[in-house]
Amino acid sequence: MNSELCKKALEKVKNPNILVNLVSKRVRQLNSGGGSMSRPLVEASPSASMADIALMEIIEGKITYELPPETEVLTGDVKHHKRRKAS
């Protein structure tokens, strides 16, 4: 996997765990063969790996994601409230 592509994709996704899941799922789709989901959505060199293709698709905005509202707490997208000290 190209480290420069990883950095650029991480700027888009912000969460490395989500990025890994997006790339993993897309690589499975690309390797599955047949159907429109198994064709790359970007121009790539013949020597590019499936992971690099998935990263390029994320960078170019061809692949996006949306988190369900209940996962915002787990990913830190919700404002944190200060805890009160016990008296």
N, C-alpha and C. Protein backbone atom coordinates (compact mmCIF):
# COMPACT_ATOMS: atom_id res chain seq x y z
N MET A 1 0.84 -1.17 0.00
CA MET A 1 0.00 0.00 0.00
C MET A 1 0.89 1.24 0.00
N ASN A 2 0.52 2.19 -0.77
CA ASN A 2 1.27 3.43 -0.92
C ASN A 2 1.03 4.33 0.30
N SER A 3 2.10 4.68 1.01
CA SER A 3 1.96 5.47 2.24
C SER A 3 1.45 6.88 1.96
N GLU A 4 1.81 7.44 0.83
CA GLU A 4 1.34 8.78 0.47
C GLU A 4 -0.18 8.76 0.24
N LEU A 5 -0.68 7.72 -0.41
CA LEU A 5 -2.12 7.59 -0.61
C LEU A 5 -2.83 7.42 0.73
N CYS A 6 -2.23 6.67 1.63
CA CYS A 6 -2.81 6.48 2.97
C CYS A 6 -2.96 7.81 3.70
N LYS A 7 -1.94 8.64 3.65
CA LYS A 7 -1.99 9.95 4.31
C LYS A 7 -3.09 10.82 3.73
N LYS A 8 -3.19 10.84 2.40
CA LYS A 8 -4.20 11.67 1.75
C LYS A 8 -5.62 11.16 2.07
N ALA A 9 -5.79 9.84 2.08
CA ALA A 9 -7.10 9.27 2.38
C ALA A 9 -7.47 9.52 3.84
N LEU A 10 -6.49 9.48 4.73
CA LEU A 10 -6.75 9.73 6.14
C LEU A 10 -7.18 11.18 6.37
N GLU A 11 -6.70 12.10 5.55
CA GLU A 11 -7.15 13.49 5.64
C GLU A 11 -8.64 13.61 5.32
N LYS A 12 -9.13 12.75 4.44
CA LYS A 12 -10.54 12.75 4.06
C LYS A 12 -11.41 12.07 5.12
N VAL A 13 -10.94 10.92 5.61
CA VAL A 13 -11.75 10.09 6.50
C VAL A 13 -11.59 10.48 7.97
N LYS A 14 -10.42 10.92 8.37
CA LYS A 14 -10.09 11.39 9.72
C LYS A 14 -9.87 10.28 10.75
N ASN A 15 -10.51 9.15 10.62
CA ASN A 15 -10.39 8.07 11.60
C ASN A 15 -9.70 6.87 10.95
N PRO A 16 -8.52 6.46 11.45
CA PRO A 16 -7.80 5.35 10.81
C PRO A 16 -8.56 4.03 10.84
N ASN A 17 -9.36 3.81 11.87
CA ASN A 17 -10.12 2.56 11.94
C ASN A 17 -11.19 2.51 10.85
N ILE A 18 -11.83 3.62 10.62
CA ILE A 18 -12.84 3.68 9.56
C ILE A 18 -12.18 3.54 8.20
N LEU A 19 -11.02 4.16 8.03
CA LEU A 19 -10.30 4.05 6.76
C LEU A 19 -9.95 2.59 6.46
N VAL A 20 -9.45 1.88 7.45
CA VAL A 20 -9.11 0.46 7.26
C VAL A 20 -10.34 -0.33 6.84
N ASN A 21 -11.47 -0.06 7.49
CA ASN A 21 -12.70 -0.78 7.14
C ASN A 21 -13.18 -0.44 5.74
N LEU A 22 -13.10 0.82 5.36
CA LEU A 22 -13.51 1.22 4.00
C LEU A 22 -12.64 0.55 2.94
N VAL A 23 -11.33 0.61 3.14
CA VAL A 23 -10.41 0.00 2.17
C VAL A 23 -10.63 -1.50 2.10
N SER A 24 -10.77 -2.14 3.25
CA SER A 24 -10.96 -3.59 3.29
C SER A 24 -12.22 -4.01 2.53
N LYS A 25 -13.31 -3.31 2.80
CA LYS A 25 -14.57 -3.64 2.12
C LYS A 25 -14.47 -3.42 0.62
N ARG A 26 -13.83 -2.32 0.23
CA ARG A 26 -13.72 -2.01 -1.21
C ARG A 26 -12.81 -3.01 -1.91
N VAL A 27 -11.72 -3.43 -1.26
CA VAL A 27 -10.83 -4.43 -1.86
C VAL A 27 -11.59 -5.74 -2.07
N ARG A 28 -12.43 -6.13 -1.11
CA ARG A 28 -13.24 -7.35 -1.29
C ARG A 28 -14.16 -7.20 -2.49
N GLN A 29 -14.77 -6.01 -2.64
CA GLN A 29 -15.65 -5.78 -3.79
C GLN A 29 -14.88 -5.86 -5.10
N LEU A 30 -13.70 -5.24 -5.14
CA LEU A 30 -12.90 -5.25 -6.37
C LEU A 30 -12.43 -6.66 -6.72
N ASN A 31 -12.13 -7.46 -5.73
CA ASN A 31 -11.66 -8.83 -5.97
C ASN A 31 -12.78 -9.81 -6.27
N SER A 32 -14.03 -9.42 -6.01
CA SER A 32 -15.14 -10.37 -6.17
C SER A 32 -15.40 -10.73 -7.62
N GLY A 33 -15.07 -9.85 -8.56
CA GLY A 33 -15.27 -10.13 -9.97
C GLY A 33 -16.74 -10.06 -10.35
N GLY A 34 -17.00 -9.68 -11.58
CA GLY A 34 -18.37 -9.60 -12.06
C GLY A 34 -19.14 -8.45 -11.42
N GLY A 35 -20.07 -7.89 -12.14
CA GLY A 35 -20.89 -6.82 -11.60
C GLY A 35 -20.20 -5.47 -11.65
N SER A 36 -21.00 -4.43 -11.53
CA SER A 36 -20.45 -3.07 -11.64
C SER A 36 -19.64 -2.66 -10.43
N MET A 37 -19.86 -3.25 -9.25
CA MET A 37 -19.13 -2.88 -8.05
C MET A 37 -17.69 -3.40 -8.06
N SER A 38 -17.38 -4.33 -8.94
CA SER A 38 -16.03 -4.89 -8.97
C SER A 38 -15.11 -4.16 -9.94
N ARG A 39 -15.60 -3.10 -10.59
CA ARG A 39 -14.77 -2.31 -11.49
C ARG A 39 -14.27 -1.07 -10.78
N PRO A 40 -13.00 -0.72 -10.96
CA PRO A 40 -12.47 0.50 -10.33
C PRO A 40 -13.23 1.75 -10.79
N LEU A 41 -13.40 2.69 -9.87
CA LEU A 41 -14.10 3.94 -10.17
C LEU A 41 -13.14 5.04 -10.58
N VAL A 42 -11.84 4.73 -10.61
CA VAL A 42 -10.80 5.70 -10.99
C VAL A 42 -9.86 5.06 -11.99
N GLU A 43 -9.14 5.90 -12.71
CA GLU A 43 -8.10 5.41 -13.61
C GLU A 43 -6.90 5.00 -12.76
N ALA A 44 -6.39 3.80 -12.98
CA ALA A 44 -5.25 3.33 -12.20
C ALA A 44 -4.31 2.57 -13.13
N SER A 45 -3.04 2.61 -12.79
CA SER A 45 -2.06 1.87 -13.59
C SER A 45 -2.28 0.37 -13.39
N PRO A 46 -1.90 -0.44 -14.36
CA PRO A 46 -2.08 -1.89 -14.24
C PRO A 46 -1.30 -2.49 -13.06
N SER A 47 -0.26 -1.79 -12.61
CA SER A 47 0.53 -2.32 -11.50
C SER A 47 0.00 -1.88 -10.13
N ALA A 48 -1.04 -1.04 -10.09
CA ALA A 48 -1.60 -0.59 -8.81
C ALA A 48 -2.29 -1.73 -8.09
N SER A 49 -2.08 -1.80 -6.78
CA SER A 49 -2.74 -2.84 -5.99
C SER A 49 -4.21 -2.46 -5.79
N MET A 50 -5.01 -3.44 -5.38
CA MET A 50 -6.42 -3.17 -5.13
C MET A 50 -6.57 -2.18 -3.97
N ALA A 51 -5.69 -2.26 -2.98
CA ALA A 51 -5.74 -1.32 -1.85
C ALA A 51 -5.44 0.09 -2.32
N ASP A 52 -4.48 0.25 -3.22
CA ASP A 52 -4.16 1.58 -3.75
C ASP A 52 -5.33 2.14 -4.56
N ILE A 53 -6.00 1.28 -5.31
CA ILE A 53 -7.18 1.71 -6.07
C ILE A 53 -8.27 2.18 -5.12
N ALA A 54 -8.50 1.42 -4.05
CA ALA A 54 -9.51 1.80 -3.06
C ALA A 54 -9.15 3.15 -2.42
N LEU A 55 -7.88 3.34 -2.09
CA LEU A 55 -7.44 4.61 -1.50
C LEU A 55 -7.65 5.77 -2.47
N MET A 56 -7.32 5.56 -3.75
CA MET A 56 -7.52 6.61 -4.75
C MET A 56 -9.01 6.95 -4.89
N GLU A 57 -9.86 5.95 -4.81
CA GLU A 57 -11.30 6.19 -4.89
C GLU A 57 -11.78 7.04 -3.71
N ILE A 58 -11.24 6.78 -2.54
CA ILE A 58 -11.60 7.56 -1.35
C ILE A 58 -11.09 8.99 -1.50
N ILE A 59 -9.85 9.14 -1.94
CA ILE A 59 -9.25 10.47 -2.10
C ILE A 59 -10.04 11.31 -3.10
N GLU A 60 -10.47 10.70 -4.19
CA GLU A 60 -11.20 11.42 -5.24
C GLU A 60 -12.70 11.58 -4.93
N GLY A 61 -13.12 11.09 -3.77
CA GLY A 61 -14.52 11.26 -3.37
C GLY A 61 -15.49 10.31 -4.05
N LYS A 62 -14.97 9.27 -4.67
CA LYS A 62 -15.83 8.28 -5.33
C LYS A 62 -16.48 7.35 -4.32
N ILE A 63 -15.84 7.21 -3.16
CA ILE A 63 -16.35 6.36 -2.09
C ILE A 63 -16.48 7.23 -0.85
N THR A 64 -17.65 7.19 -0.25
CA THR A 64 -17.89 7.95 0.97
C THR A 64 -18.50 7.03 2.02
N TYR A 65 -18.70 7.54 3.19
CA TYR A 65 -19.32 6.77 4.26
C TYR A 65 -20.15 7.70 5.13
N GLU A 66 -21.04 7.11 5.89
CA GLU A 66 -21.85 7.87 6.83
C GLU A 66 -22.02 7.03 8.08
N LEU A 67 -21.74 7.63 9.22
CA LEU A 67 -21.89 6.93 10.48
C LEU A 67 -23.30 7.09 11.02
N PRO A 68 -23.86 6.02 11.57
CA PRO A 68 -25.15 6.16 12.24
C PRO A 68 -25.00 7.09 13.45
N PRO A 69 -26.05 7.82 13.84
CA PRO A 69 -25.94 8.78 14.95
C PRO A 69 -25.42 8.18 16.25
N GLU A 70 -25.77 6.95 16.55
CA GLU A 70 -25.35 6.35 17.82
C GLU A 70 -23.85 6.08 17.88
N THR A 71 -23.15 6.06 16.75
CA THR A 71 -21.70 5.82 16.77
C THR A 71 -20.91 7.09 16.96
N GLU A 72 -21.56 8.25 16.92
CA GLU A 72 -20.85 9.50 17.12
C GLU A 72 -20.17 9.54 18.49
N VAL A 73 -20.81 8.96 19.48
CA VAL A 73 -20.24 8.93 20.83
C VAL A 73 -18.96 8.11 20.83
N LEU A 74 -18.95 7.02 20.10
CA LEU A 74 -17.79 6.13 20.06
C LEU A 74 -16.62 6.74 19.30
N THR A 75 -16.88 7.56 18.31
CA THR A 75 -15.82 8.12 17.49
C THR A 75 -15.37 9.50 17.96
N GLY A 76 -16.03 10.05 18.97
CA GLY A 76 -15.62 11.34 19.52
C GLY A 76 -16.14 12.53 18.75
N ASP A 77 -17.21 12.36 17.96
CA ASP A 77 -17.76 13.46 17.18
C ASP A 77 -18.77 14.30 17.96
N VAL A 78 -18.97 13.98 19.24
CA VAL A 78 -19.92 14.69 20.07
C VAL A 78 -19.16 15.53 21.07
N LYS A 79 -19.67 16.70 21.39
CA LYS A 79 -19.01 17.55 22.37
C LYS A 79 -18.98 16.84 23.71
N HIS A 80 -17.83 16.91 24.37
CA HIS A 80 -17.67 16.25 25.66
C HIS A 80 -18.09 17.20 26.78
N HIS A 81 -18.76 16.66 27.76
CA HIS A 81 -19.17 17.42 28.92
C HIS A 81 -18.20 17.14 30.06
N LYS A 82 -17.88 18.18 30.82
CA LYS A 82 -16.98 18.00 31.96
C LYS A 82 -17.73 17.28 33.06
N ARG A 83 -17.02 16.37 33.71
CA ARG A 83 -17.63 15.65 34.83
C ARG A 83 -17.51 16.49 36.09
N ARG A 84 -18.51 16.40 36.91
CA ARG A 84 -18.46 17.11 38.19
C ARG A 84 -17.66 16.28 39.18
N LYS A 85 -16.90 16.97 39.99
CA LYS A 85 -16.15 16.28 41.03
C LYS A 85 -17.10 15.91 42.16
N ALA A 86 -16.87 14.74 42.71
CA ALA A 86 -17.68 14.30 43.85
C ALA A 86 -17.33 15.15 45.06
N SER A 87 -18.37 15.59 45.80
CA SER A 87 -18.10 16.42 46.96
C SER A 87 -18.04 15.61 48.22
